[in-house]
Every structure is written in structure tokens, then in C-alpha cells.
């Protein structure tokens, strides 16, 4: 079993969201300034309502962009728990090692890392936010077990405080496609995501269209050069009652 890497010490929207607090925390790390323009990290954090002192799970944190953004906002009284699903970590060794190194960088003492079974999601304390970007669609795929998304959503529900937020960002598949394209195109139908998450007891709060691209060809895999970096992505916000 893989061991714990580091223990915790952890624009358009369907509603009119106040993003005036975007600059209340230093979210513009020099290495991420250019990425902010494409991924909209500070704006999405404002959409969540993230604030100083919050506790966050960054599920399958990839290159660490979102963790770095969140860590600067939650500050020294908050914490970001970077959690890797074990099957994903086995495919992403370099990212896992780099993320572990991030937890030891100056200014990121509020970040910790762990590897857990895909069927689990546990932090050292109840959290205010569970966030995952471009990973939800992986859970029903063979390399992840497969893992029923219902199991993931139940674990997320248990990890959150009452009133906590579950934010999912993912590549949109064609309407009505359900889970058909998760393995082949690395896309998922937003409607099936909402249905599955609501079935776990969450309340749908709203969506942001910051990463929407109506010209995206949804017949193409997200790694196809013609669409890579420009896919139509949905941002769904759910709340635990």
C-alpha cells in the first residue's frame, strides 16, 4: 500500500456572483500569472466563495496550479489537502513527486499530500471545499477500478462540513451521451454529473461559464491538437445541506 506522503498540520454564471473579492488575497503567483488568463483560477475561487481560514481538498491535484491558488487564499490558518486517488497516482508519478515537493516549498506549509484508495476521501478534519478539475470523468474508467462515481460522491459528502461546497470542473461531452465518452474522449455529459451528485444528497447551487467554449468539437478527444486547451468545460457548484 502506498504510504501517506505528508501528514496534515492540512464570466458568466447562471447567477450573479460577486467577484469583487477576487483580489482580497494574493492569488497571482509569478509562475501562474499566464495560466490565470486561461484557467481563471482567481475568478473560480471567488465563484466558490473561498476565503482565509478555509480547509480544502484538491482531489487529484495534477500540476498543482489549483492548490497554489487555493493555498494563497486560505492562508496560514487554512489548509489544502492534496489527495491523489491511488490508481491515478500510479499513472502520474512525476506529478505526484512534484506535488510532494511543493508541500516543502516556502509559503506552502499549509499544503499536505496523500495517496488514498479511489473509493475513499479522508482529510484530518471536515473541509469547506472539495474541488476537482478534469478528473471526475476518470472514475468510471477501467484504470480507476473502475470506481462508481456514486462512491466518490458519497465520500465527498462525508468529507465536507454542513454547508460545504463541492466544485467540479470537467470537459463537456455531447448532450445525452452520459458516460459513453469518458474513456475514449475524456469527456462527460454535464447532465449525468449533476444527476449523480444530486443523488448523493447535494444541492445544485449554480454554474459558471468561465471555461465554456460553444465552438468546441465534442467528437474530438480532449488531447487532439485541434481542441486541446480550448475544450468546452463546465463548472458546477454543489452544496452539502
Protein backbone atom coordinates (compact mmCIF):
# COMPACT_ATOMS: atom_id res chain seq x y z
CA UNK A 1 0.00 0.00 0.00
CA UNK A 2 1.26 3.44 -0.83
CA UNK A 3 2.03 5.44 2.27
CA UNK A 4 0.97 8.91 3.26
CA UNK A 5 3.27 11.38 1.56
CA UNK A 6 2.85 14.15 4.10
CA UNK A 7 0.50 14.44 7.05
CA UNK A 8 -1.74 17.39 7.67
CA UNK A 9 -0.56 20.01 10.35
CA UNK A 10 -3.82 20.44 6.32
CA UNK A 11 -17.82 35.05 -16.70
CA UNK A 12 -20.74 34.36 -16.99
CA UNK A 13 -22.73 32.42 -14.45
CA UNK A 14 -26.27 31.24 -14.12
CA UNK A 15 -26.47 33.55 -11.10
CA UNK A 16 -24.99 36.98 -10.49
CA UNK A 17 -21.91 36.15 -8.43
CA UNK A 18 -19.94 38.94 -6.72
CA UNK A 19 -16.32 38.59 -7.79
CA UNK A 20 -15.21 41.85 -6.18
CA UNK A 21 -13.28 39.91 -3.55
CA UNK A 22 -11.05 38.25 -6.15
CA UNK A 23 -8.08 40.40 -5.18
CA UNK A 24 -8.51 40.19 -1.38
CA UNK A 25 -5.86 37.51 -1.30
CA UNK A 26 -2.61 37.17 -3.22
CA UNK A 27 -3.56 34.60 -5.84
CA UNK A 28 -1.10 35.67 -8.54
CA UNK A 29 2.00 33.58 -8.05
CA UNK A 30 4.52 34.61 -10.68
CA UNK A 31 4.60 31.10 -12.15
CA UNK A 32 0.81 31.08 -12.55
CA UNK A 33 0.07 34.56 -13.86
CA UNK A 34 -0.07 33.45 -17.51
CA UNK A 35 -2.10 30.38 -16.57
CA UNK A 36 -4.67 32.50 -14.73
CA UNK A 37 -5.73 34.06 -18.01
CA UNK A 38 -6.59 30.63 -19.41
CA UNK A 39 -7.79 28.72 -16.33
CA UNK A 40 -9.38 31.60 -14.39
CA UNK A 41 -8.21 30.34 -11.00
CA UNK A 42 -8.87 33.53 -9.00
CA UNK A 43 -12.32 34.01 -10.56
CA UNK A 44 -13.30 30.41 -9.93
CA UNK A 45 -12.11 30.68 -6.32
CA UNK A 46 -14.37 33.75 -6.00
CA UNK A 47 -17.25 31.77 -7.51
CA UNK A 48 -16.70 29.15 -4.81
CA UNK A 49 -16.59 31.83 -2.11
CA UNK A 50 -13.21 30.61 -0.83
CA UNK A 51 -11.76 32.71 2.00
CA UNK A 52 -8.96 32.88 4.53
CA UNK A 53 -9.02 30.04 7.04
CA UNK A 54 -10.94 27.61 4.81
CA UNK A 55 -9.99 23.95 4.57
CA UNK A 56 -9.86 22.44 1.07
CA UNK A 57 -9.45 19.04 -0.56
CA UNK A 58 -7.88 19.35 -4.01
CA UNK A 59 -8.74 15.94 -5.44
CA UNK A 60 -6.15 14.68 -7.95
CA UNK A 61 -4.23 17.97 -7.97
CA UNK A 62 -2.21 17.42 -11.15
CA UNK A 63 0.47 20.04 -11.65
CA UNK A 64 -0.57 21.93 -8.52
CA UNK A 65 -1.99 25.08 -10.13
CA UNK A 66 -5.24 24.95 -8.19
CA UNK A 67 -3.51 24.06 -4.93
CA UNK A 68 -1.15 27.02 -5.25
CA UNK A 69 -4.09 29.33 -5.94
CA UNK A 70 -6.16 28.00 -3.04
CA UNK A 71 -3.22 27.93 -0.60
CA UNK A 72 -2.56 31.63 -1.10
CA UNK A 73 -6.23 32.44 -0.46
CA UNK A 74 -6.82 30.28 2.63
CA UNK A 75 -3.54 31.46 4.16
CA UNK A 76 -1.74 30.14 7.23
CA UNK A 77 -4.95 29.47 9.16
CA UNK A 78 -6.36 27.39 6.31
CA UNK A 79 -5.16 24.19 4.69
CA UNK A 80 -5.15 22.45 1.33
CA UNK A 81 -5.20 18.66 1.39
CA UNK A 82 -3.92 17.36 -1.94
CA UNK A 83 -5.35 13.88 -2.31
CA UNK A 84 -4.37 11.50 -5.11
CA UNK A 85 -6.55 8.51 -5.92
CA UNK A 86 -4.10 5.60 -5.85
CA UNK A 87 -4.81 4.33 -9.40
CA UNK A 88 -4.28 7.84 -10.77
CA UNK A 89 -1.09 8.31 -8.75
CA UNK A 90 0.32 5.13 -10.28
CA UNK A 91 -0.09 6.74 -13.72
CA UNK A 92 1.21 10.18 -12.74
CA UNK A 93 4.40 9.56 -10.82
CA UNK A 94 6.15 12.78 -11.85
CA UNK A 95 3.20 14.95 -10.85
CA UNK A 96 2.95 13.15 -7.51
CA UNK A 97 6.63 13.72 -6.75
CA UNK A 98 6.46 17.37 -7.80
CA UNK A 99 3.40 17.91 -5.66
CA UNK A 100 5.10 16.35 -2.67
CA UNK A 101 7.98 18.78 -3.23
CA UNK A 102 5.52 21.68 -3.31
CA UNK A 103 4.46 20.90 0.26
CA UNK A 104 8.03 21.69 1.35
CA UNK A 105 8.37 24.97 -0.53
CA UNK A 106 8.47 28.22 1.43
CA UNK A 107 4.99 29.67 1.65
CA UNK A 108 3.23 26.33 1.25
CA UNK A 109 3.36 24.97 4.76
CA UNK A 110 -0.45 24.89 4.61
CA UNK A 111 -0.41 22.15 1.96
CA UNK A 112 -0.16 18.41 2.57
CA UNK A 113 -0.32 15.41 0.26
CA UNK A 114 -1.62 11.87 0.49
CA UNK A 115 -2.44 8.90 -1.70
CA UNK A 116 -5.71 7.10 -0.92
CA UNK A 117 -7.82 4.36 -2.49
CA UNK A 118 -10.14 5.68 -5.19
CA UNK A 119 -13.07 4.60 -3.03
CA UNK A 120 -12.01 6.84 -0.12
CA UNK A 121 -11.59 10.56 0.54
CA UNK A 122 -10.42 11.47 4.01
CA UNK A 123 -8.81 14.59 5.45
CA UNK A 124 -7.73 15.26 9.02
CA UNK A 125 -10.80 17.43 9.58
CA UNK A 126 -14.09 18.31 7.88
CA UNK A 127 -13.46 20.66 4.96
CA UNK A 128 -15.18 23.68 3.41
CA UNK A 129 -14.47 22.73 -0.20
CA UNK A 130 -13.84 19.60 -2.24
CA UNK A 131 -12.55 20.60 -5.65
CA UNK A 132 -11.64 18.52 -8.66
CA UNK A 133 -10.72 19.68 -12.15
CA UNK A 134 -10.84 17.41 -15.22
CA UNK A 135 -10.87 14.26 -13.08
CA UNK A 136 -14.48 13.36 -12.36
CA UNK A 137 -14.79 11.70 -15.77
CA UNK A 138 -11.94 9.31 -14.91
CA UNK A 139 -13.68 7.47 -12.08
CA UNK A 140 -15.86 5.13 -14.18
CA UNK A 141 -12.89 4.17 -16.38
CA UNK A 142 -11.08 0.86 -16.15
CA UNK A 143 -7.77 2.22 -14.85
CA UNK A 144 -9.59 3.70 -11.83
CA UNK A 145 -11.02 0.38 -10.79
CA UNK A 146 -13.43 1.31 -12.28
CA UNK A 147 -14.96 3.25 -9.38
CA UNK A 148 -18.65 4.06 -9.37
CA UNK A 149 -18.98 7.88 -9.18
CA UNK A 150 -21.69 7.27 -6.57
CA UNK A 151 -18.96 6.00 -4.23
CA UNK A 152 -16.86 9.10 -4.86
CA UNK A 153 -19.80 11.44 -4.30
CA UNK A 154 -20.73 9.72 -1.06
CA UNK A 155 -17.14 10.11 0.16
CA UNK A 156 -17.13 13.79 -0.81
CA UNK A 157 -20.38 14.34 1.08
CA UNK A 158 -18.90 12.76 4.20
CA UNK A 159 -15.69 14.83 3.95
CA UNK A 160 -17.48 18.19 3.82
CA UNK A 161 -18.80 20.35 6.63
CA UNK A 162 -22.52 21.14 6.51
CA UNK A 163 -22.82 23.97 4.00
CA UNK A 164 -19.56 22.92 2.33
CA UNK A 165 -19.05 23.21 -1.41
CA UNK A 166 -18.31 20.53 -4.00
CA UNK A 167 -16.97 22.10 -7.19
CA UNK A 168 -16.48 20.03 -10.34
CA UNK A 169 -14.73 21.26 -13.48
CA UNK A 170 -14.62 18.89 -16.44
CA UNK A 171 -14.60 18.57 -20.20
CA UNK A 172 -18.13 18.56 -21.60
CA UNK A 173 -19.30 15.71 -23.81
CA UNK A 174 -22.25 15.85 -26.20
CA UNK A 175 -25.64 16.26 -24.59
CA UNK A 176 -27.28 12.92 -23.88
CA UNK A 177 -24.01 10.95 -24.08
CA UNK A 178 -23.90 10.10 -20.39
CA UNK A 179 -20.71 8.19 -19.56
CA UNK A 180 -20.12 6.98 -23.13
CA UNK A 181 -17.08 9.16 -23.86
CA UNK A 182 -15.27 9.17 -20.53
CA UNK A 183 -12.55 6.73 -21.58
CA UNK A 184 -12.29 7.41 -25.31
CA UNK A 185 -12.64 11.20 -25.48
CA UNK A 186 -12.03 12.03 -21.78
CA UNK A 187 -15.31 13.93 -21.70
CA UNK A 188 -18.51 13.58 -19.69
CA UNK A 189 -22.07 14.76 -20.18
CA UNK A 190 -22.70 17.56 -17.65
CA UNK A 191 -26.27 16.32 -17.15
CA UNK A 192 -25.12 12.93 -15.82
CA UNK A 193 -22.70 14.64 -13.43
CA UNK A 194 -25.47 16.78 -11.97
CA UNK A 195 -27.78 13.78 -11.68
CA UNK A 196 -25.16 11.67 -9.90
CA UNK A 197 -24.08 14.40 -7.48
CA UNK A 198 -27.63 15.36 -6.57
CA UNK A 199 -28.38 11.68 -5.95
CA UNK A 200 -25.71 11.77 -3.22
CA UNK A 201 -27.66 14.45 -1.35
CA UNK A 202 -26.07 17.62 -2.71
CA UNK A 203 -27.98 20.72 -3.76
CA UNK A 204 -27.06 22.26 -7.12
CA UNK A 205 -26.18 25.93 -6.49
CA UNK A 206 -25.26 27.12 -9.96
CA UNK A 207 -22.72 27.03 -12.74
CA UNK A 208 -20.09 29.34 -14.18
CA UNK A 209 -19.36 29.59 -17.89
CA UNK A 210 -15.85 30.97 -17.44
CA UNK A 211 -14.42 27.94 -19.27
CA UNK A 212 -17.24 27.44 -21.77
CA UNK A 213 -16.47 27.19 -25.47
CA UNK A 214 -19.54 26.62 -27.66
CA UNK A 215 -17.34 26.09 -30.75
CA UNK A 216 -15.62 23.03 -29.25
CA UNK A 217 -15.92 19.92 -31.42
CA UNK A 218 -17.18 17.37 -28.91
CA UNK A 219 -16.42 14.48 -31.26
CA UNK A 220 -12.70 15.04 -30.62
CA UNK A 221 -10.66 13.72 -27.72
CA UNK A 222 -9.52 16.48 -25.40
CA UNK A 223 -5.88 15.78 -26.31
CA UNK A 224 -6.49 16.32 -30.03
CA UNK A 225 -4.33 19.24 -31.17
CA UNK A 226 -7.32 20.97 -32.74
CA UNK A 227 -9.12 21.32 -29.38
CA UNK A 228 -6.51 20.84 -26.67
CA UNK A 229 -6.57 23.72 -24.23
CA UNK A 230 -9.77 25.04 -25.78
CA UNK A 231 -12.38 22.45 -24.82
CA UNK A 232 -15.84 23.35 -23.59
CA UNK A 233 -15.63 22.90 -19.83
CA UNK A 234 -18.45 23.09 -17.32
CA UNK A 235 -18.06 24.37 -13.75
CA UNK A 236 -20.73 23.01 -11.42
CA UNK A 237 -21.18 24.17 -7.83
CA UNK A 238 -22.97 21.96 -5.31
CA UNK A 239 -23.62 22.46 -1.59
CA UNK A 240 -23.95 19.95 1.22
CA UNK A 241 -27.14 20.90 3.12
